[in-house]
Amino acid sequence: MIMNKQEFLTCLGLQVHTLDFWLEQRWLIPEENAAGIDFSDVDLARARLIRDLKTDFGFNDEGVEMILHLVDQLHGLRGVLEQLAGELQTPTSR
């Protein structure tokens, strides 16, 4: 599902200044177009994680930054492992 900024804010119950800060920090990187920005389901899930880290767990901005960096690294490693597993399953001709 694709959402514009207002739909995204409403869905998450966020204030504009909060979202603007998250965008400035590049914690969220939505798709840009001529009409503005579009948020995806991935952006929504990431924003929910950020919101939970800050409100439910009490992490400060530096803590959120660190956790997002680690999540991104894990996601990247998962992709590499999936690719490697696929290559190992593919028979090679010798």
N, C-alpha and C. Protein backbone atom coordinates (compact mmCIF):
# COMPACT_ATOMS: atom_id res chain seq x y z
N MET A 1 0.84 -1.17 0.00
CA MET A 1 0.00 0.00 0.00
C MET A 1 0.90 1.25 0.00
N ILE A 2 0.54 2.20 -0.79
CA ILE A 2 1.28 3.46 -0.87
C ILE A 2 0.43 4.55 -0.22
N MET A 3 1.08 5.38 0.61
CA MET A 3 0.39 6.45 1.33
C MET A 3 1.11 7.77 1.10
N ASN A 4 0.34 8.84 1.09
CA ASN A 4 0.96 10.16 1.07
C ASN A 4 1.32 10.54 2.50
N LYS A 5 1.89 11.70 2.67
CA LYS A 5 2.38 12.11 3.99
C LYS A 5 1.26 12.21 5.01
N GLN A 6 0.13 12.79 4.62
CA GLN A 6 -0.97 12.96 5.56
C GLN A 6 -1.56 11.61 5.98
N GLU A 7 -1.71 10.71 5.03
CA GLU A 7 -2.22 9.37 5.36
C GLU A 7 -1.26 8.65 6.31
N PHE A 8 0.02 8.80 6.05
CA PHE A 8 1.05 8.18 6.88
C PHE A 8 0.99 8.71 8.31
N LEU A 9 0.90 10.03 8.44
CA LEU A 9 0.81 10.66 9.76
C LEU A 9 -0.42 10.18 10.51
N THR A 10 -1.55 10.11 9.81
CA THR A 10 -2.80 9.69 10.43
C THR A 10 -2.72 8.23 10.88
N CYS A 11 -2.17 7.39 10.03
CA CYS A 11 -2.06 5.96 10.33
C CYS A 11 -1.23 5.71 11.59
N LEU A 12 -0.17 6.49 11.76
CA LEU A 12 0.74 6.31 12.89
C LEU A 12 0.41 7.18 14.09
N GLY A 13 -0.45 8.18 13.89
CA GLY A 13 -0.74 9.11 14.97
C GLY A 13 0.44 9.99 15.31
N LEU A 14 1.22 10.36 14.29
CA LEU A 14 2.42 11.18 14.49
C LEU A 14 2.14 12.65 14.24
N GLN A 15 2.93 13.49 14.86
CA GLN A 15 2.92 14.91 14.58
C GLN A 15 3.84 15.19 13.38
N VAL A 16 3.54 16.24 12.63
CA VAL A 16 4.34 16.58 11.45
C VAL A 16 5.80 16.80 11.82
N HIS A 17 6.06 17.52 12.91
CA HIS A 17 7.45 17.82 13.29
C HIS A 17 8.22 16.54 13.64
N THR A 18 7.53 15.54 14.19
CA THR A 18 8.19 14.28 14.51
C THR A 18 8.61 13.57 13.23
N LEU A 19 7.68 13.47 12.28
CA LEU A 19 8.00 12.82 11.01
C LEU A 19 9.10 13.59 10.28
N ASP A 20 9.02 14.90 10.28
CA ASP A 20 10.05 15.71 9.61
C ASP A 20 11.42 15.45 10.22
N PHE A 21 11.49 15.30 11.54
CA PHE A 21 12.77 14.99 12.18
C PHE A 21 13.28 13.62 11.74
N TRP A 22 12.40 12.63 11.72
CA TRP A 22 12.79 11.28 11.29
C TRP A 22 13.29 11.29 9.86
N LEU A 23 12.66 12.11 9.01
CA LEU A 23 13.10 12.22 7.62
C LEU A 23 14.46 12.92 7.54
N GLU A 24 14.66 13.96 8.33
CA GLU A 24 15.95 14.66 8.37
C GLU A 24 17.07 13.73 8.82
N GLN A 25 16.77 12.87 9.78
CA GLN A 25 17.76 11.91 10.29
C GLN A 25 17.98 10.75 9.31
N ARG A 26 17.13 10.68 8.30
CA ARG A 26 17.17 9.60 7.30
C ARG A 26 16.87 8.24 7.93
N TRP A 27 16.06 8.28 8.98
CA TRP A 27 15.58 7.03 9.57
C TRP A 27 14.53 6.42 8.65
N LEU A 28 13.86 7.27 7.91
CA LEU A 28 12.90 6.87 6.88
C LEU A 28 13.34 7.51 5.58
N ILE A 29 13.28 6.75 4.49
CA ILE A 29 13.66 7.28 3.19
C ILE A 29 12.57 6.89 2.19
N PRO A 30 11.46 7.63 2.19
CA PRO A 30 10.35 7.30 1.28
C PRO A 30 10.67 7.68 -0.16
N GLU A 31 9.84 7.18 -1.06
CA GLU A 31 9.98 7.51 -2.48
C GLU A 31 9.52 8.95 -2.71
N GLU A 32 10.31 9.68 -3.49
CA GLU A 32 9.93 11.06 -3.83
C GLU A 32 9.39 11.10 -5.24
N ASN A 33 8.39 11.97 -5.45
CA ASN A 33 7.84 12.19 -6.78
C ASN A 33 7.47 13.65 -6.93
N ALA A 34 6.93 14.01 -8.07
CA ALA A 34 6.60 15.41 -8.33
C ALA A 34 5.55 15.95 -7.36
N ALA A 35 4.66 15.09 -6.87
CA ALA A 35 3.58 15.52 -5.99
C ALA A 35 4.00 15.54 -4.52
N GLY A 36 5.16 15.01 -4.20
CA GLY A 36 5.61 14.96 -2.81
C GLY A 36 6.33 13.66 -2.54
N ILE A 37 5.97 13.02 -1.43
CA ILE A 37 6.60 11.75 -1.08
C ILE A 37 5.54 10.69 -0.84
N ASP A 38 5.90 9.46 -1.18
CA ASP A 38 5.02 8.31 -0.97
C ASP A 38 5.68 7.36 0.01
N PHE A 39 4.89 6.89 0.95
CA PHE A 39 5.36 5.95 1.96
C PHE A 39 4.83 4.56 1.65
N SER A 40 5.68 3.57 1.80
CA SER A 40 5.33 2.17 1.53
C SER A 40 5.03 1.44 2.83
N ASP A 41 4.65 0.18 2.69
CA ASP A 41 4.44 -0.66 3.87
C ASP A 41 5.73 -0.83 4.67
N VAL A 42 6.87 -0.87 3.98
CA VAL A 42 8.16 -0.98 4.65
C VAL A 42 8.42 0.27 5.49
N ASP A 43 8.11 1.44 4.92
CA ASP A 43 8.26 2.69 5.68
C ASP A 43 7.36 2.67 6.91
N LEU A 44 6.15 2.16 6.75
CA LEU A 44 5.21 2.09 7.86
C LEU A 44 5.73 1.18 8.98
N ALA A 45 6.25 0.02 8.60
CA ALA A 45 6.80 -0.91 9.60
C ALA A 45 8.00 -0.29 10.31
N ARG A 46 8.85 0.37 9.55
CA ARG A 46 10.04 0.99 10.15
C ARG A 46 9.64 2.13 11.09
N ALA A 47 8.65 2.92 10.69
CA ALA A 47 8.17 4.02 11.54
C ALA A 47 7.56 3.48 12.82
N ARG A 48 6.84 2.37 12.73
CA ARG A 48 6.28 1.76 13.94
C ARG A 48 7.39 1.29 14.87
N LEU A 49 8.45 0.74 14.29
CA LEU A 49 9.60 0.33 15.11
C LEU A 49 10.20 1.54 15.81
N ILE A 50 10.42 2.62 15.07
CA ILE A 50 10.99 3.84 15.65
C ILE A 50 10.10 4.36 16.77
N ARG A 51 8.80 4.43 16.49
CA ARG A 51 7.86 4.92 17.50
C ARG A 51 7.91 4.05 18.76
N ASP A 52 7.92 2.73 18.57
CA ASP A 52 7.98 1.82 19.72
C ASP A 52 9.28 1.96 20.50
N LEU A 53 10.39 2.09 19.78
CA LEU A 53 11.68 2.25 20.46
C LEU A 53 11.69 3.50 21.33
N LYS A 54 11.11 4.58 20.81
CA LYS A 54 11.13 5.84 21.55
C LYS A 54 10.09 5.88 22.66
N THR A 55 8.87 5.43 22.39
CA THR A 55 7.81 5.59 23.38
C THR A 55 7.72 4.41 24.35
N ASP A 56 7.76 3.20 23.85
CA ASP A 56 7.59 2.03 24.71
C ASP A 56 8.87 1.65 25.45
N PHE A 57 10.01 1.81 24.77
CA PHE A 57 11.27 1.36 25.36
C PHE A 57 12.13 2.51 25.86
N GLY A 58 11.78 3.75 25.52
CA GLY A 58 12.48 4.91 26.05
C GLY A 58 13.85 5.19 25.47
N PHE A 59 14.13 4.68 24.25
CA PHE A 59 15.43 4.96 23.65
C PHE A 59 15.52 6.41 23.22
N ASN A 60 16.71 7.00 23.38
CA ASN A 60 16.94 8.35 22.89
C ASN A 60 17.31 8.27 21.40
N ASP A 61 17.54 9.44 20.79
CA ASP A 61 17.81 9.48 19.35
C ASP A 61 19.05 8.68 18.97
N GLU A 62 20.09 8.75 19.79
CA GLU A 62 21.32 8.01 19.49
C GLU A 62 21.07 6.51 19.56
N GLY A 63 20.26 6.08 20.52
CA GLY A 63 19.92 4.66 20.63
C GLY A 63 19.12 4.18 19.44
N VAL A 64 18.16 4.99 19.00
CA VAL A 64 17.36 4.64 17.82
C VAL A 64 18.27 4.53 16.60
N GLU A 65 19.17 5.48 16.46
CA GLU A 65 20.11 5.48 15.33
C GLU A 65 20.92 4.18 15.31
N MET A 66 21.43 3.78 16.45
CA MET A 66 22.23 2.56 16.56
C MET A 66 21.40 1.32 16.21
N ILE A 67 20.21 1.24 16.77
CA ILE A 67 19.37 0.07 16.51
C ILE A 67 18.98 -0.01 15.04
N LEU A 68 18.63 1.10 14.42
CA LEU A 68 18.28 1.08 13.00
C LEU A 68 19.47 0.65 12.15
N HIS A 69 20.65 1.11 12.53
CA HIS A 69 21.87 0.72 11.81
C HIS A 69 22.07 -0.80 11.91
N LEU A 70 21.88 -1.35 13.10
CA LEU A 70 22.04 -2.79 13.29
C LEU A 70 20.96 -3.58 12.53
N VAL A 71 19.73 -3.09 12.54
CA VAL A 71 18.65 -3.75 11.80
C VAL A 71 18.98 -3.75 10.31
N ASP A 72 19.47 -2.63 9.80
CA ASP A 72 19.84 -2.55 8.38
C ASP A 72 20.97 -3.52 8.05
N GLN A 73 21.95 -3.63 8.94
CA GLN A 73 23.04 -4.58 8.72
C GLN A 73 22.53 -6.01 8.71
N LEU A 74 21.66 -6.36 9.64
CA LEU A 74 21.09 -7.71 9.68
C LEU A 74 20.29 -8.01 8.42
N HIS A 75 19.54 -7.03 7.97
CA HIS A 75 18.76 -7.21 6.74
C HIS A 75 19.68 -7.45 5.55
N GLY A 76 20.76 -6.70 5.48
CA GLY A 76 21.72 -6.88 4.39
C GLY A 76 22.39 -8.24 4.44
N LEU A 77 22.77 -8.68 5.63
CA LEU A 77 23.39 -10.00 5.79
C LEU A 77 22.42 -11.12 5.43
N ARG A 78 21.17 -10.93 5.77
CA ARG A 78 20.15 -11.93 5.42
C ARG A 78 20.08 -12.09 3.90
N GLY A 79 20.11 -10.98 3.18
CA GLY A 79 20.08 -11.03 1.72
C GLY A 79 21.29 -11.76 1.15
N VAL A 80 22.45 -11.48 1.72
CA VAL A 80 23.69 -12.14 1.27
C VAL A 80 23.60 -13.64 1.53
N LEU A 81 23.12 -14.02 2.70
CA LEU A 81 22.99 -15.44 3.03
C LEU A 81 21.99 -16.15 2.12
N GLU A 82 20.89 -15.50 1.80
CA GLU A 82 19.91 -16.09 0.88
C GLU A 82 20.52 -16.28 -0.50
N GLN A 83 21.28 -15.29 -0.95
CA GLN A 83 21.94 -15.40 -2.25
C GLN A 83 22.96 -16.53 -2.25
N LEU A 84 23.74 -16.63 -1.20
CA LEU A 84 24.74 -17.68 -1.08
C LEU A 84 24.08 -19.05 -1.03
N ALA A 85 23.00 -19.18 -0.28
CA ALA A 85 22.28 -20.46 -0.21
C ALA A 85 21.74 -20.85 -1.58
N GLY A 86 21.25 -19.88 -2.33
CA GLY A 86 20.75 -20.16 -3.68
C GLY A 86 21.86 -20.63 -4.60
N GLU A 87 23.02 -20.01 -4.49
CA GLU A 87 24.16 -20.39 -5.32
C GLU A 87 24.67 -21.79 -4.95
N LEU A 88 24.62 -22.12 -3.68
CA LEU A 88 25.06 -23.44 -3.25
C LEU A 88 24.11 -24.53 -3.70
N GLN A 89 22.85 -24.20 -3.87
CA GLN A 89 21.85 -25.18 -4.31
C GLN A 89 21.85 -25.36 -5.83
N THR A 90 22.39 -24.41 -6.55
CA THR A 90 22.44 -24.48 -8.01
C THR A 90 23.57 -25.38 -8.43
N PRO A 91 23.26 -26.45 -9.19
CA PRO A 91 24.35 -27.33 -9.64
C PRO A 91 25.25 -26.61 -10.65
N THR A 92 26.52 -26.84 -10.50
CA THR A 92 27.48 -26.24 -11.43
C THR A 92 27.92 -27.29 -12.43
N SER A 93 28.16 -26.84 -13.64
CA SER A 93 28.63 -27.77 -14.67
C SER A 93 30.15 -27.76 -14.68
N ARG A 94 30.73 -28.93 -14.66
CA ARG A 94 32.20 -29.03 -14.66
C ARG A 94 32.63 -29.93 -15.77
